[in-house]
């Protein structure tokens, strides 16, 4: 059975802390592939300052080009309306058939999961991998999971997995990772300040950003002139 990791986001732009976590997950869970799924219309974020789907897609593909198990799935651009993770997981089940899905999210998003569209039901369709963002995150993970899913069962630690639970037919895992305090917001701020962002984004992404500098700067400016 295929084991597929799903890493969604706006990727505005793609940076090293998009790519490195995917490497950590692929190794820890022996995945057959990891799909980067860019949002077309994010339901939780304002569209102002969002680069075009085509440009964001191009940067993701450049960033992961060296990794044979990494790919991009453009399915969220092929449907109308907001890009809900719940719908994406259902689409995967329909398109991939018999497979095991691993939805990848950051620990910063776990407290907001009840606010997502059918957020607590994601576990019905996929395993969930929660990636650490700080040393205390595992404590919050162990506090929130029983609150969200009272019928869960504790799993013993294995390999790099620090904490895990079974919830129905799927599992939710807490995975530590090397952490660098890099975010898309930081990249955008430094870009607009004309500061050096080398090593914060892959070289291939930086080249695209330089090639489209006028378009990107217009989109990330206060006027938010995106096209």
N, C-alpha and C. Protein backbone atom coordinates (compact mmCIF):
# COMPACT_ATOMS: atom_id res chain seq x y z
N UNK A 1 0.84 -1.19 0.00
CA UNK A 1 0.00 0.00 0.00
C UNK A 1 0.88 1.25 0.00
N UNK A 2 0.56 2.20 -0.88
CA UNK A 2 1.33 3.43 -0.95
C UNK A 2 1.18 4.26 0.33
N UNK A 3 2.29 4.85 0.76
CA UNK A 3 2.29 5.73 1.93
C UNK A 3 2.63 7.14 1.43
N UNK A 4 1.67 8.05 1.52
CA UNK A 4 1.78 9.36 0.90
C UNK A 4 1.70 10.45 1.96
N UNK A 5 2.72 11.31 2.03
CA UNK A 5 2.69 12.47 2.89
C UNK A 5 2.08 13.65 2.15
N UNK A 6 1.32 14.47 2.86
CA UNK A 6 0.66 15.63 2.26
C UNK A 6 1.04 16.87 3.07
N UNK A 7 1.72 17.80 2.42
CA UNK A 7 2.15 19.04 3.07
C UNK A 7 1.50 20.21 2.34
N UNK A 8 0.50 20.80 2.96
CA UNK A 8 -0.21 21.91 2.34
C UNK A 8 0.26 23.24 2.88
N UNK A 9 -0.12 24.30 2.18
CA UNK A 9 0.23 25.65 2.62
C UNK A 9 0.14 26.64 1.48
N UNK A 10 0.37 27.91 1.78
CA UNK A 10 0.36 28.91 0.72
C UNK A 10 1.71 28.95 0.00
N UNK A 11 2.80 28.61 0.70
CA UNK A 11 4.14 28.64 0.10
C UNK A 11 4.40 30.00 -0.56
N UNK A 12 4.29 31.04 0.26
CA UNK A 12 4.32 32.41 -0.24
C UNK A 12 5.46 33.22 0.42
N UNK A 13 6.75 32.85 0.16
CA UNK A 13 7.26 31.88 -0.80
C UNK A 13 7.68 30.57 -0.10
N UNK A 14 8.14 29.62 -0.90
CA UNK A 14 8.73 28.40 -0.37
C UNK A 14 10.07 28.73 0.28
N UNK A 15 10.29 28.20 1.51
CA UNK A 15 11.55 28.45 2.19
C UNK A 15 12.08 27.14 2.78
N UNK A 16 13.21 27.21 3.45
CA UNK A 16 13.89 25.98 3.89
C UNK A 16 13.08 25.21 4.92
N UNK A 17 12.23 25.90 5.70
CA UNK A 17 11.44 25.19 6.69
C UNK A 17 10.12 24.68 6.13
N UNK A 18 10.00 24.70 4.82
CA UNK A 18 9.01 23.87 4.12
C UNK A 18 9.67 22.57 3.67
N UNK A 19 10.88 22.69 3.15
CA UNK A 19 11.55 21.53 2.56
C UNK A 19 12.13 20.61 3.62
N UNK A 20 12.83 21.17 4.62
CA UNK A 20 13.48 20.32 5.61
C UNK A 20 12.49 19.46 6.40
N UNK A 21 11.35 19.98 6.85
CA UNK A 21 10.39 19.10 7.53
C UNK A 21 9.91 17.95 6.67
N UNK A 22 9.77 18.19 5.37
CA UNK A 22 9.35 17.11 4.48
C UNK A 22 10.40 16.00 4.44
N UNK A 23 11.67 16.39 4.49
CA UNK A 23 12.75 15.40 4.55
C UNK A 23 12.65 14.59 5.84
N UNK A 24 12.44 15.28 6.97
CA UNK A 24 12.34 14.60 8.26
C UNK A 24 11.19 13.60 8.27
N UNK A 25 10.06 13.99 7.74
CA UNK A 25 8.87 13.11 7.73
C UNK A 25 9.08 11.93 6.80
N UNK A 26 9.61 12.17 5.62
CA UNK A 26 9.84 11.08 4.66
C UNK A 26 10.74 10.02 5.26
N UNK A 27 11.79 10.45 5.96
CA UNK A 27 12.72 9.50 6.56
C UNK A 27 12.10 8.77 7.75
N UNK A 28 11.39 9.50 8.60
CA UNK A 28 10.85 8.91 9.83
C UNK A 28 9.74 7.91 9.56
N UNK A 29 8.97 8.12 8.49
CA UNK A 29 7.80 7.28 8.23
C UNK A 29 7.95 6.43 6.97
N UNK A 30 9.12 6.44 6.37
CA UNK A 30 9.40 5.62 5.18
C UNK A 30 8.30 5.79 4.13
N UNK A 31 8.03 7.04 3.77
CA UNK A 31 6.97 7.34 2.82
C UNK A 31 7.41 7.05 1.39
N UNK A 32 6.45 6.68 0.57
CA UNK A 32 6.73 6.47 -0.84
C UNK A 32 6.88 7.80 -1.58
N UNK A 33 6.15 8.81 -1.10
CA UNK A 33 6.32 10.14 -1.67
C UNK A 33 5.73 11.17 -0.71
N UNK A 34 6.15 12.42 -0.89
CA UNK A 34 5.59 13.55 -0.16
C UNK A 34 5.07 14.55 -1.19
N UNK A 35 3.80 14.87 -1.09
CA UNK A 35 3.17 15.82 -2.01
C UNK A 35 3.07 17.19 -1.36
N UNK A 36 3.58 18.21 -2.03
CA UNK A 36 3.38 19.59 -1.62
C UNK A 36 2.10 20.07 -2.30
N UNK A 37 1.15 20.56 -1.51
CA UNK A 37 -0.16 20.93 -2.05
C UNK A 37 -0.40 22.42 -1.79
N UNK A 38 -0.08 23.27 -2.76
CA UNK A 38 -0.30 24.71 -2.56
C UNK A 38 -1.78 25.07 -2.57
N UNK A 39 -2.17 25.93 -1.62
CA UNK A 39 -3.55 26.41 -1.56
C UNK A 39 -3.80 27.38 -2.70
N UNK A 40 -4.94 27.24 -3.32
CA UNK A 40 -5.33 28.22 -4.33
C UNK A 40 -6.03 29.40 -3.66
N UNK A 41 -7.00 29.10 -2.79
CA UNK A 41 -7.74 30.12 -2.05
C UNK A 41 -7.75 29.75 -0.58
N UNK A 42 -6.76 30.20 0.20
CA UNK A 42 -6.68 29.81 1.61
C UNK A 42 -7.88 30.32 2.40
N UNK A 43 -8.57 29.46 3.16
CA UNK A 43 -9.74 29.90 3.92
C UNK A 43 -9.39 30.68 5.18
N UNK A 44 -8.15 30.54 5.69
CA UNK A 44 -7.79 31.14 6.97
C UNK A 44 -6.90 32.36 6.82
N UNK A 45 -6.54 32.72 5.61
CA UNK A 45 -5.63 33.85 5.42
C UNK A 45 -6.18 34.78 4.35
N UNK A 46 -5.94 36.07 4.55
CA UNK A 46 -6.35 37.04 3.55
C UNK A 46 -5.55 36.85 2.27
N UNK A 47 -6.21 37.06 1.14
CA UNK A 47 -5.54 36.87 -0.15
C UNK A 47 -4.59 38.02 -0.48
N UNK A 48 -4.73 39.17 0.18
CA UNK A 48 -3.85 40.29 -0.10
C UNK A 48 -2.40 39.89 0.14
N UNK A 49 -1.55 40.16 -0.85
CA UNK A 49 -0.15 39.81 -0.72
C UNK A 49 0.18 38.39 -1.10
N UNK A 50 -0.80 37.67 -1.66
CA UNK A 50 -0.57 36.28 -2.06
C UNK A 50 -0.16 36.24 -3.53
N UNK A 51 1.04 35.76 -3.78
CA UNK A 51 1.52 35.63 -5.16
C UNK A 51 0.61 34.69 -5.93
N UNK A 52 0.66 34.77 -7.23
CA UNK A 52 -0.20 33.92 -8.07
C UNK A 52 0.10 32.45 -7.81
N UNK A 53 -0.90 31.63 -8.01
CA UNK A 53 -0.73 30.19 -7.83
C UNK A 53 0.39 29.69 -8.73
N UNK A 54 0.45 30.19 -9.96
CA UNK A 54 1.45 29.73 -10.92
C UNK A 54 2.86 30.02 -10.44
N UNK A 55 3.07 31.21 -9.88
CA UNK A 55 4.41 31.58 -9.42
C UNK A 55 4.79 30.80 -8.17
N UNK A 56 3.86 30.65 -7.25
CA UNK A 56 4.14 29.86 -6.05
C UNK A 56 4.42 28.40 -6.41
N UNK A 57 3.66 27.89 -7.36
CA UNK A 57 3.86 26.52 -7.83
C UNK A 57 5.25 26.35 -8.44
N UNK A 58 5.67 27.34 -9.22
CA UNK A 58 7.00 27.28 -9.85
C UNK A 58 8.10 27.25 -8.80
N UNK A 59 7.94 28.04 -7.74
CA UNK A 59 8.96 28.08 -6.70
C UNK A 59 9.02 26.77 -5.92
N UNK A 60 7.87 26.16 -5.65
CA UNK A 60 7.87 24.87 -4.96
C UNK A 60 8.61 23.83 -5.79
N UNK A 61 8.27 23.76 -7.06
CA UNK A 61 8.89 22.76 -7.94
C UNK A 61 10.41 22.96 -8.01
N UNK A 62 10.86 24.20 -8.03
CA UNK A 62 12.30 24.47 -8.05
C UNK A 62 12.94 24.03 -6.74
N UNK A 63 12.24 24.25 -5.62
CA UNK A 63 12.80 23.93 -4.31
C UNK A 63 12.97 22.44 -4.09
N UNK A 64 12.07 21.62 -4.66
CA UNK A 64 12.08 20.18 -4.37
C UNK A 64 12.64 19.37 -5.52
N UNK A 65 13.17 20.02 -6.53
CA UNK A 65 13.61 19.33 -7.73
C UNK A 65 14.63 18.23 -7.47
N UNK A 66 15.46 18.39 -6.45
CA UNK A 66 16.54 17.43 -6.18
C UNK A 66 16.04 16.20 -5.42
N UNK A 67 14.80 16.20 -4.96
CA UNK A 67 14.28 15.11 -4.14
C UNK A 67 13.34 14.23 -4.96
N UNK A 68 13.75 13.02 -5.31
CA UNK A 68 12.94 12.18 -6.20
C UNK A 68 11.58 11.77 -5.62
N UNK A 69 11.44 11.77 -4.30
CA UNK A 69 10.17 11.37 -3.70
C UNK A 69 9.22 12.54 -3.46
N UNK A 70 9.66 13.75 -3.78
CA UNK A 70 8.84 14.93 -3.55
C UNK A 70 8.18 15.36 -4.86
N UNK A 71 6.93 15.77 -4.77
CA UNK A 71 6.23 16.24 -5.96
C UNK A 71 5.23 17.31 -5.56
N UNK A 72 4.59 17.92 -6.55
CA UNK A 72 3.57 18.95 -6.31
C UNK A 72 2.24 18.43 -6.84
N UNK A 73 1.19 18.60 -6.05
CA UNK A 73 -0.16 18.26 -6.49
C UNK A 73 -0.95 19.56 -6.60
N UNK A 74 -1.45 19.86 -7.80
CA UNK A 74 -2.12 21.13 -8.08
C UNK A 74 -3.64 21.03 -7.93
N UNK A 75 -4.13 20.02 -7.25
CA UNK A 75 -5.57 19.77 -7.23
C UNK A 75 -6.39 20.93 -6.69
N UNK A 76 -5.81 21.72 -5.76
CA UNK A 76 -6.61 22.79 -5.16
C UNK A 76 -6.84 23.95 -6.13
N UNK A 77 -6.08 24.01 -7.20
CA UNK A 77 -6.31 25.02 -8.22
C UNK A 77 -7.37 24.56 -9.22
N UNK A 78 -7.72 23.30 -9.16
CA UNK A 78 -8.66 22.73 -10.13
C UNK A 78 -10.10 22.75 -9.63
N UNK A 79 -10.33 23.26 -8.42
CA UNK A 79 -11.69 23.34 -7.90
C UNK A 79 -11.97 24.76 -7.42
N UNK A 80 -13.24 25.11 -7.37
CA UNK A 80 -13.62 26.46 -6.98
C UNK A 80 -13.81 26.53 -5.46
N UNK A 81 -13.82 27.76 -4.95
CA UNK A 81 -14.05 27.94 -3.53
C UNK A 81 -12.80 27.80 -2.69
N UNK A 82 -12.94 27.94 -1.37
CA UNK A 82 -11.79 27.84 -0.46
C UNK A 82 -11.13 26.47 -0.50
N UNK A 83 -9.84 26.44 -0.19
CA UNK A 83 -9.07 25.19 -0.21
C UNK A 83 -9.12 24.55 1.17
N UNK A 84 -10.12 23.71 1.40
CA UNK A 84 -10.27 23.06 2.70
C UNK A 84 -9.50 21.74 2.72
N UNK A 85 -8.74 21.53 3.79
CA UNK A 85 -7.95 20.31 3.93
C UNK A 85 -8.84 19.08 3.93
N UNK A 86 -9.99 19.16 4.56
CA UNK A 86 -10.91 18.01 4.61
C UNK A 86 -11.27 17.55 3.19
N UNK A 87 -11.57 18.51 2.31
CA UNK A 87 -11.91 18.17 0.93
C UNK A 87 -10.71 17.59 0.20
N UNK A 88 -9.53 18.15 0.48
CA UNK A 88 -8.31 17.65 -0.17
C UNK A 88 -8.07 16.19 0.17
N UNK A 89 -8.22 15.82 1.43
CA UNK A 89 -8.02 14.43 1.84
C UNK A 89 -9.04 13.51 1.17
N UNK A 90 -10.27 13.96 1.04
CA UNK A 90 -11.27 13.16 0.34
C UNK A 90 -10.89 12.99 -1.13
N UNK A 91 -10.40 14.06 -1.75
CA UNK A 91 -9.95 13.98 -3.14
C UNK A 91 -8.83 12.97 -3.30
N UNK A 92 -7.92 12.94 -2.34
CA UNK A 92 -6.82 11.98 -2.39
C UNK A 92 -7.34 10.55 -2.36
N UNK A 93 -8.26 10.28 -1.48
CA UNK A 93 -8.81 8.92 -1.37
C UNK A 93 -9.45 8.49 -2.69
N UNK A 94 -10.13 9.41 -3.34
CA UNK A 94 -10.78 9.11 -4.61
C UNK A 94 -9.75 8.90 -5.72
N UNK A 95 -8.72 9.72 -5.74
CA UNK A 95 -7.74 9.68 -6.83
C UNK A 95 -6.71 8.57 -6.67
N UNK A 96 -6.30 8.30 -5.43
CA UNK A 96 -5.20 7.35 -5.19
C UNK A 96 -5.68 5.93 -4.91
N UNK A 97 -6.94 5.77 -4.57
CA UNK A 97 -7.43 4.42 -4.25
C UNK A 97 -6.85 3.92 -2.95
N UNK A 98 -6.39 2.70 -2.94
CA UNK A 98 -5.86 2.08 -1.72
C UNK A 98 -4.51 2.71 -1.37
N UNK A 99 -4.49 3.48 -0.29
CA UNK A 99 -3.26 4.15 0.12
C UNK A 99 -3.38 4.53 1.59
N UNK A 100 -2.25 4.89 2.19
CA UNK A 100 -2.24 5.39 3.55
C UNK A 100 -1.72 6.82 3.52
N UNK A 101 -2.55 7.76 4.00
CA UNK A 101 -2.22 9.17 3.92
C UNK A 101 -1.66 9.67 5.25
N UNK A 102 -0.69 10.58 5.15
CA UNK A 102 -0.08 11.21 6.33
C UNK A 102 -0.15 12.72 6.12
N UNK A 103 -1.06 13.37 6.82
CA UNK A 103 -1.19 14.82 6.71
C UNK A 103 -0.21 15.49 7.66
N UNK A 104 0.62 16.39 7.14
CA UNK A 104 1.70 17.02 7.88
C UNK A 104 1.29 18.44 8.28
N UNK A 105 1.41 18.75 9.57
CA UNK A 105 1.09 20.09 10.03
C UNK A 105 2.07 20.52 11.12
N UNK A 106 2.19 21.81 11.35
CA UNK A 106 3.05 22.32 12.39
C UNK A 106 2.33 22.37 13.73
N UNK A 107 3.07 22.27 14.81
CA UNK A 107 2.46 22.32 16.13
C UNK A 107 1.76 23.65 16.39
N UNK A 108 2.18 24.70 15.69
CA UNK A 108 1.55 26.01 15.85
C UNK A 108 0.09 25.98 15.40
N UNK A 109 -0.23 25.05 14.50
CA UNK A 109 -1.60 24.96 13.96
C UNK A 109 -2.50 24.04 14.77
N UNK A 110 -1.92 23.19 15.60
CA UNK A 110 -2.73 22.22 16.34
C UNK A 110 -3.78 22.89 17.23
N UNK A 111 -3.47 23.96 17.97
CA UNK A 111 -4.50 24.59 18.81
C UNK A 111 -5.67 25.16 18.01
N UNK A 112 -5.45 25.45 16.73
CA UNK A 112 -6.52 26.04 15.91
C UNK A 112 -7.32 24.99 15.15
N UNK A 113 -6.96 23.72 15.27
CA UNK A 113 -7.59 22.68 14.48
C UNK A 113 -9.12 22.65 14.62
N UNK A 114 -9.70 22.87 15.81
CA UNK A 114 -11.16 22.88 15.90
C UNK A 114 -11.82 23.98 15.07
N UNK A 115 -11.06 25.01 14.73
CA UNK A 115 -11.61 26.11 13.94
C UNK A 115 -11.56 25.84 12.44
N UNK A 116 -10.84 24.81 12.03
CA UNK A 116 -10.78 24.45 10.62
C UNK A 116 -12.12 23.84 10.20
N UNK A 117 -12.37 23.84 8.92
CA UNK A 117 -13.56 23.16 8.40
C UNK A 117 -13.42 21.66 8.66
N UNK A 118 -14.27 21.11 9.52
CA UNK A 118 -14.25 19.70 9.90
C UNK A 118 -12.85 19.28 10.36
N UNK A 119 -12.18 20.20 11.09
CA UNK A 119 -10.79 19.97 11.46
C UNK A 119 -10.57 18.71 12.28
N UNK A 120 -11.45 18.46 13.25
CA UNK A 120 -11.26 17.29 14.09
C UNK A 120 -11.65 16.00 13.39
N UNK A 121 -12.22 16.11 12.19
CA UNK A 121 -12.57 14.93 11.41
C UNK A 121 -11.48 14.53 10.42
N UNK A 122 -10.41 15.32 10.35
CA UNK A 122 -9.33 14.97 9.43
C UNK A 122 -8.76 13.60 9.76
N UNK A 123 -8.73 13.26 11.04
CA UNK A 123 -8.15 12.00 11.50
C UNK A 123 -8.93 10.80 10.97
N UNK A 124 -10.14 11.02 10.49
CA UNK A 124 -10.93 9.93 9.91
C UNK A 124 -10.41 9.53 8.54
N UNK A 125 -9.68 10.42 7.91
CA UNK A 125 -9.24 10.19 6.54
C UNK A 125 -7.72 10.02 6.39
N UNK A 126 -6.97 10.38 7.43
CA UNK A 126 -5.51 10.31 7.30
C UNK A 126 -4.86 10.26 8.68
N UNK A 127 -3.66 9.73 8.73
CA UNK A 127 -2.82 9.93 9.89
C UNK A 127 -2.39 11.40 9.92
N UNK A 128 -2.11 11.91 11.10
CA UNK A 128 -1.67 13.30 11.23
C UNK A 128 -0.28 13.31 11.87
N UNK A 129 0.63 14.05 11.26
CA UNK A 129 1.98 14.22 11.81
C UNK A 129 2.11 15.68 12.24
N UNK A 130 2.34 15.89 13.53
CA UNK A 130 2.51 17.24 14.07
C UNK A 130 4.00 17.47 14.29
N UNK A 131 4.54 18.50 13.66
CA UNK A 131 5.96 18.80 13.73
C UNK A 131 6.25 19.84 14.80
N UNK A 132 7.26 19.58 15.60
CA UNK A 132 7.61 20.48 16.70
C UNK A 132 8.06 21.84 16.20
N UNK A 133 7.67 22.89 16.93
CA UNK A 133 8.17 24.23 16.68
C UNK A 133 8.92 24.79 17.89
N UNK A 134 8.75 24.16 19.06
CA UNK A 134 9.50 24.56 20.25
C UNK A 134 9.62 23.36 21.17
N UNK A 135 10.45 23.46 22.19
CA UNK A 135 10.68 22.34 23.10
C UNK A 135 9.46 21.98 23.93
N UNK A 136 8.56 22.92 24.15
CA UNK A 136 7.38 22.67 24.99
C UNK A 136 6.19 22.16 24.19
N UNK A 137 6.33 22.03 22.89
CA UNK A 137 5.19 21.67 22.05
C UNK A 137 4.63 20.30 22.37
N UNK A 138 5.47 19.35 22.77
CA UNK A 138 4.97 18.01 23.05
C UNK A 138 4.02 18.02 24.25
N UNK A 139 4.25 18.92 25.20
CA UNK A 139 3.34 19.03 26.34
C UNK A 139 1.96 19.49 25.88
N UNK A 140 1.93 20.46 24.99
CA UNK A 140 0.64 20.92 24.48
C UNK A 140 -0.02 19.84 23.63
N UNK A 141 0.77 19.11 22.86
CA UNK A 141 0.26 17.99 22.06
C UNK A 141 -0.44 16.98 22.96
N UNK A 142 0.23 16.60 24.05
CA UNK A 142 -0.33 15.60 24.96
C UNK A 142 -1.54 16.13 25.75
N UNK A 143 -1.66 17.42 25.84
CA UNK A 143 -2.83 18.02 26.50
C UNK A 143 -4.02 18.12 25.54
N UNK A 144 -3.75 18.54 24.31
CA UNK A 144 -4.84 18.81 23.38
C UNK A 144 -5.45 17.53 22.78
N UNK A 145 -4.60 16.54 22.48
CA UNK A 145 -5.13 15.34 21.82
C UNK A 145 -6.26 14.67 22.62
N UNK A 146 -6.12 14.45 23.94
CA UNK A 146 -7.23 13.87 24.69
C UNK A 146 -8.47 14.76 24.74
N UNK A 147 -8.26 16.07 24.65
CA UNK A 147 -9.40 16.98 24.63
C UNK A 147 -10.15 16.87 23.30
N UNK A 148 -9.40 16.75 22.22
CA UNK A 148 -10.02 16.67 20.90
C UNK A 148 -10.68 15.32 20.65
N UNK A 149 -9.99 14.26 21.06
CA UNK A 149 -10.46 12.90 20.76
C UNK A 149 -10.42 12.07 22.06
N UNK A 150 -11.46 12.14 22.87
CA UNK A 150 -11.45 11.48 24.20
C UNK A 150 -11.25 9.97 24.14
N UNK A 151 -11.57 9.33 23.02
CA UNK A 151 -11.47 7.87 22.93
C UNK A 151 -10.12 7.39 22.40
N UNK A 152 -9.15 8.27 22.33
CA UNK A 152 -7.85 7.87 21.79
C UNK A 152 -7.13 6.87 22.69
N UNK A 153 -6.13 6.23 22.14
CA UNK A 153 -5.29 5.29 22.90
C UNK A 153 -3.83 5.66 22.71
N UNK A 154 -3.07 5.65 23.78
CA UNK A 154 -1.65 6.01 23.74
C UNK A 154 -0.85 4.91 23.06
N UNK A 155 0.07 5.33 22.18
CA UNK A 155 0.99 4.41 21.54
C UNK A 155 2.38 4.58 22.13
N UNK A 156 3.18 3.53 22.19
CA UNK A 156 4.54 3.66 22.72
C UNK A 156 5.42 4.46 21.76
N UNK A 157 6.38 5.23 22.29
CA UNK A 157 7.31 5.95 21.41
C UNK A 157 8.08 4.98 20.52
N UNK A 158 8.37 5.41 19.32
CA UNK A 158 9.12 4.55 18.38
C UNK A 158 9.98 5.44 17.50
N UNK A 159 11.26 5.07 17.37
CA UNK A 159 12.16 5.83 16.52
C UNK A 159 12.25 7.28 16.97
N UNK A 160 12.08 8.19 16.02
CA UNK A 160 12.14 9.61 16.32
C UNK A 160 10.83 10.18 16.84
N UNK A 161 9.78 9.37 16.86
CA UNK A 161 8.45 9.83 17.27
C UNK A 161 8.40 9.95 18.79
N UNK A 162 8.14 11.16 19.27
CA UNK A 162 8.20 11.41 20.71
C UNK A 162 6.89 11.06 21.42
N UNK A 163 5.76 11.19 20.73
CA UNK A 163 4.47 10.89 21.33
C UNK A 163 3.51 10.52 20.20
N UNK A 164 2.55 9.63 20.49
CA UNK A 164 1.62 9.20 19.45
C UNK A 164 0.37 8.58 20.08
N UNK A 165 -0.73 8.71 19.36
CA UNK A 165 -2.01 8.15 19.80
C UNK A 165 -2.72 7.51 18.62
N UNK A 166 -3.52 6.49 18.92
CA UNK A 166 -4.44 5.93 17.94
C UNK A 166 -5.80 6.58 18.13
N UNK A 167 -6.38 7.04 17.03
CA UNK A 167 -7.72 7.63 17.04
C UNK A 167 -8.54 6.92 15.97
N UNK A 168 -9.34 5.96 16.36
CA UNK A 168 -10.08 5.18 15.37
C UNK A 168 -9.14 4.37 14.51
N UNK A 169 -9.22 4.55 13.20
CA UNK A 169 -8.41 3.77 12.27
C UNK A 169 -7.06 4.43 11.97
N UNK A 170 -6.82 5.62 12.50
CA UNK A 170 -5.60 6.34 12.18
C UNK A 170 -4.86 6.77 13.44
N UNK A 171 -3.66 7.27 13.23
CA UNK A 171 -2.81 7.71 14.33
C UNK A 171 -2.46 9.18 14.19
N UNK A 172 -2.14 9.80 15.31
CA UNK A 172 -1.58 11.15 15.30
C UNK A 172 -0.24 11.10 16.01
N UNK A 173 0.77 11.68 15.38
CA UNK A 173 2.15 11.57 15.84
C UNK A 173 2.72 12.95 16.13
N UNK A 174 3.62 13.01 17.12
CA UNK A 174 4.39 14.22 17.38
C UNK A 174 5.84 13.93 17.01
N UNK A 175 6.37 14.69 16.05
CA UNK A 175 7.71 14.43 15.54
C UNK A 175 8.62 15.63 15.78
N UNK A 176 9.67 15.47 16.61
CA UNK A 176 10.67 16.54 16.74
C UNK A 176 11.40 16.75 15.41
N UNK A 177 12.00 17.91 15.25
CA UNK A 177 12.73 18.20 14.02
C UNK A 177 13.76 19.28 14.30
N UNK A 178 14.82 19.35 13.47
CA UNK A 178 15.72 20.50 13.58
C UNK A 178 14.94 21.78 13.31
N UNK A 179 15.14 22.78 14.14
CA UNK A 179 14.30 23.97 14.02
C UNK A 179 15.15 25.21 13.74
N UNK A 180 14.70 25.95 12.75
CA UNK A 180 15.28 27.25 12.43
C UNK A 180 14.11 28.22 12.38
N UNK A 181 14.25 29.35 13.03
CA UNK A 181 13.13 30.29 13.13
C UNK A 181 12.98 31.07 11.83
N UNK A 182 12.42 30.36 10.83
CA UNK A 182 12.20 30.95 9.51
C UNK A 182 10.73 30.81 9.17
N UNK A 183 10.15 31.88 8.67
CA UNK A 183 8.76 31.85 8.23
C UNK A 183 8.63 32.63 6.94
N UNK A 184 7.53 32.42 6.23
CA UNK A 184 7.28 33.17 5.01
C UNK A 184 7.15 34.66 5.32
N UNK A 185 6.58 34.97 6.47
CA UNK A 185 6.45 36.38 6.87
C UNK A 185 7.83 37.03 7.00
N UNK A 186 8.76 36.31 7.63
CA UNK A 186 10.13 36.83 7.76
C UNK A 186 10.76 37.05 6.39
N UNK A 187 10.58 36.09 5.49
CA UNK A 187 11.16 36.21 4.14
C UNK A 187 10.59 37.44 3.44
N UNK A 188 9.29 37.59 3.51
CA UNK A 188 8.65 38.74 2.84
C UNK A 188 9.14 40.06 3.41
N UNK A 189 9.27 40.14 4.74
CA UNK A 189 9.74 41.37 5.37
C UNK A 189 11.16 41.71 4.93
N UNK A 190 12.03 40.71 4.94
CA UNK A 190 13.42 40.96 4.56
C UNK A 190 13.52 41.30 3.07
N UNK A 191 12.72 40.65 2.26
CA UNK A 191 12.71 40.95 0.82
C UNK A 191 12.35 42.41 0.59
N UNK A 192 11.29 42.87 1.26
CA UNK A 192 10.83 44.24 1.05
C UNK A 192 11.80 45.26 1.64
N UNK A 193 12.64 44.82 2.57
CA UNK A 193 13.69 45.69 3.12
C UNK A 193 14.98 45.60 2.31
N UNK A 194 14.93 44.84 1.21
CA UNK A 194 16.09 44.63 0.35
C UNK A 194 17.26 44.03 1.12
N UNK A 195 16.94 43.09 2.00
CA UNK A 195 17.97 42.40 2.78
C UNK A 195 18.27 41.04 2.15
N UNK A 196 19.40 40.49 2.49
CA UNK A 196 19.87 39.23 1.92
C UNK A 196 19.06 38.07 2.52
N UNK A 197 18.43 37.26 1.68
CA UNK A 197 17.68 36.09 2.16
C UNK A 197 18.35 34.79 1.73
N UNK A 198 19.62 34.86 1.40
CA UNK A 198 20.37 33.65 1.06
C UNK A 198 20.32 32.66 2.22
N UNK A 199 20.20 31.39 1.90
CA UNK A 199 20.15 30.28 2.86
C UNK A 199 18.84 30.22 3.66
N UNK A 200 17.97 31.21 3.50
CA UNK A 200 16.64 31.14 4.10
C UNK A 200 15.65 30.52 3.12
N UNK A 201 15.94 30.67 1.85
CA UNK A 201 15.19 30.00 0.79
C UNK A 201 16.20 29.23 -0.06
N UNK A 202 15.77 28.14 -0.70
CA UNK A 202 16.70 27.43 -1.59
C UNK A 202 17.21 28.35 -2.69
N UNK A 203 18.42 28.11 -3.17
CA UNK A 203 19.01 28.94 -4.22
C UNK A 203 18.13 28.99 -5.46
N UNK A 204 17.49 27.86 -5.77
CA UNK A 204 16.64 27.81 -6.96
C UNK A 204 15.42 28.71 -6.81
N UNK A 205 14.91 28.82 -5.57
CA UNK A 205 13.78 29.72 -5.31
C UNK A 205 14.24 31.17 -5.38
N UNK A 206 15.40 31.45 -4.82
CA UNK A 206 15.93 32.82 -4.85
C UNK A 206 16.13 33.30 -6.28
N UNK A 207 16.56 32.41 -7.16
CA UNK A 207 16.73 32.80 -8.56
C UNK A 207 15.40 33.21 -9.18
N UNK A 208 14.34 32.43 -8.92
CA UNK A 208 13.02 32.77 -9.44
C UNK A 208 12.55 34.10 -8.86
N UNK A 209 12.79 34.29 -7.57
CA UNK A 209 12.37 35.54 -6.94
C UNK A 209 13.08 36.73 -7.57
N UNK A 210 14.36 36.58 -7.86
CA UNK A 210 15.09 37.67 -8.52
C UNK A 210 14.59 37.90 -9.94
N UNK A 211 14.24 36.80 -10.63
CA UNK A 211 13.73 36.93 -12.00
C UNK A 211 12.38 37.65 -12.03
N UNK A 212 11.59 37.48 -10.99
CA UNK A 212 10.25 38.09 -10.93
C UNK A 212 10.18 39.15 -9.84
N UNK A 213 11.29 39.81 -9.60
CA UNK A 213 11.41 40.75 -8.48
C UNK A 213 10.35 41.85 -8.52
N UNK A 214 10.09 42.40 -9.67
CA UNK A 214 9.12 43.50 -9.77
C UNK A 214 7.72 43.03 -9.40
N UNK A 215 7.34 41.87 -9.91
CA UNK A 215 6.00 41.32 -9.63
C UNK A 215 5.87 41.00 -8.14
N UNK A 216 6.89 40.38 -7.57
CA UNK A 216 6.85 39.99 -6.16
C UNK A 216 6.82 41.21 -5.26
N UNK A 217 7.65 42.19 -5.54
CA UNK A 217 7.69 43.39 -4.71
C UNK A 217 6.37 44.15 -4.77
N UNK A 218 5.75 44.20 -5.93
CA UNK A 218 4.45 44.87 -6.05
C UNK A 218 3.38 44.16 -5.24
N UNK A 219 3.44 42.84 -5.23
CA UNK A 219 2.45 42.04 -4.50
C UNK A 219 2.63 42.16 -2.99
N UNK A 220 3.87 42.21 -2.55
CA UNK A 220 4.15 42.24 -1.11
C UNK A 220 4.24 43.67 -0.56
N UNK A 221 4.05 44.67 -1.40
CA UNK A 221 4.09 46.05 -0.95
C UNK A 221 2.79 46.39 -0.21
N UNK A 222 2.72 47.56 0.35
CA UNK A 222 1.51 47.98 1.05
C UNK A 222 0.31 48.05 0.13
N UNK A 223 0.53 48.30 -1.16
CA UNK A 223 -0.58 48.37 -2.12
C UNK A 223 -1.14 47.00 -2.50
N UNK A 224 -0.32 45.93 -2.27
CA UNK A 224 -0.74 44.56 -2.54
C UNK A 224 -1.25 44.40 -3.98
N UNK A 225 -0.45 44.85 -4.94
CA UNK A 225 -0.82 44.74 -6.35
C UNK A 225 -0.33 43.40 -6.88
N UNK A 226 -1.14 42.37 -6.68
CA UNK A 226 -0.74 41.00 -7.06
C UNK A 226 -1.38 40.62 -8.39
N UNK A 227 -0.59 39.90 -9.19
CA UNK A 227 -1.11 39.40 -10.47
C UNK A 227 -0.38 38.11 -10.82
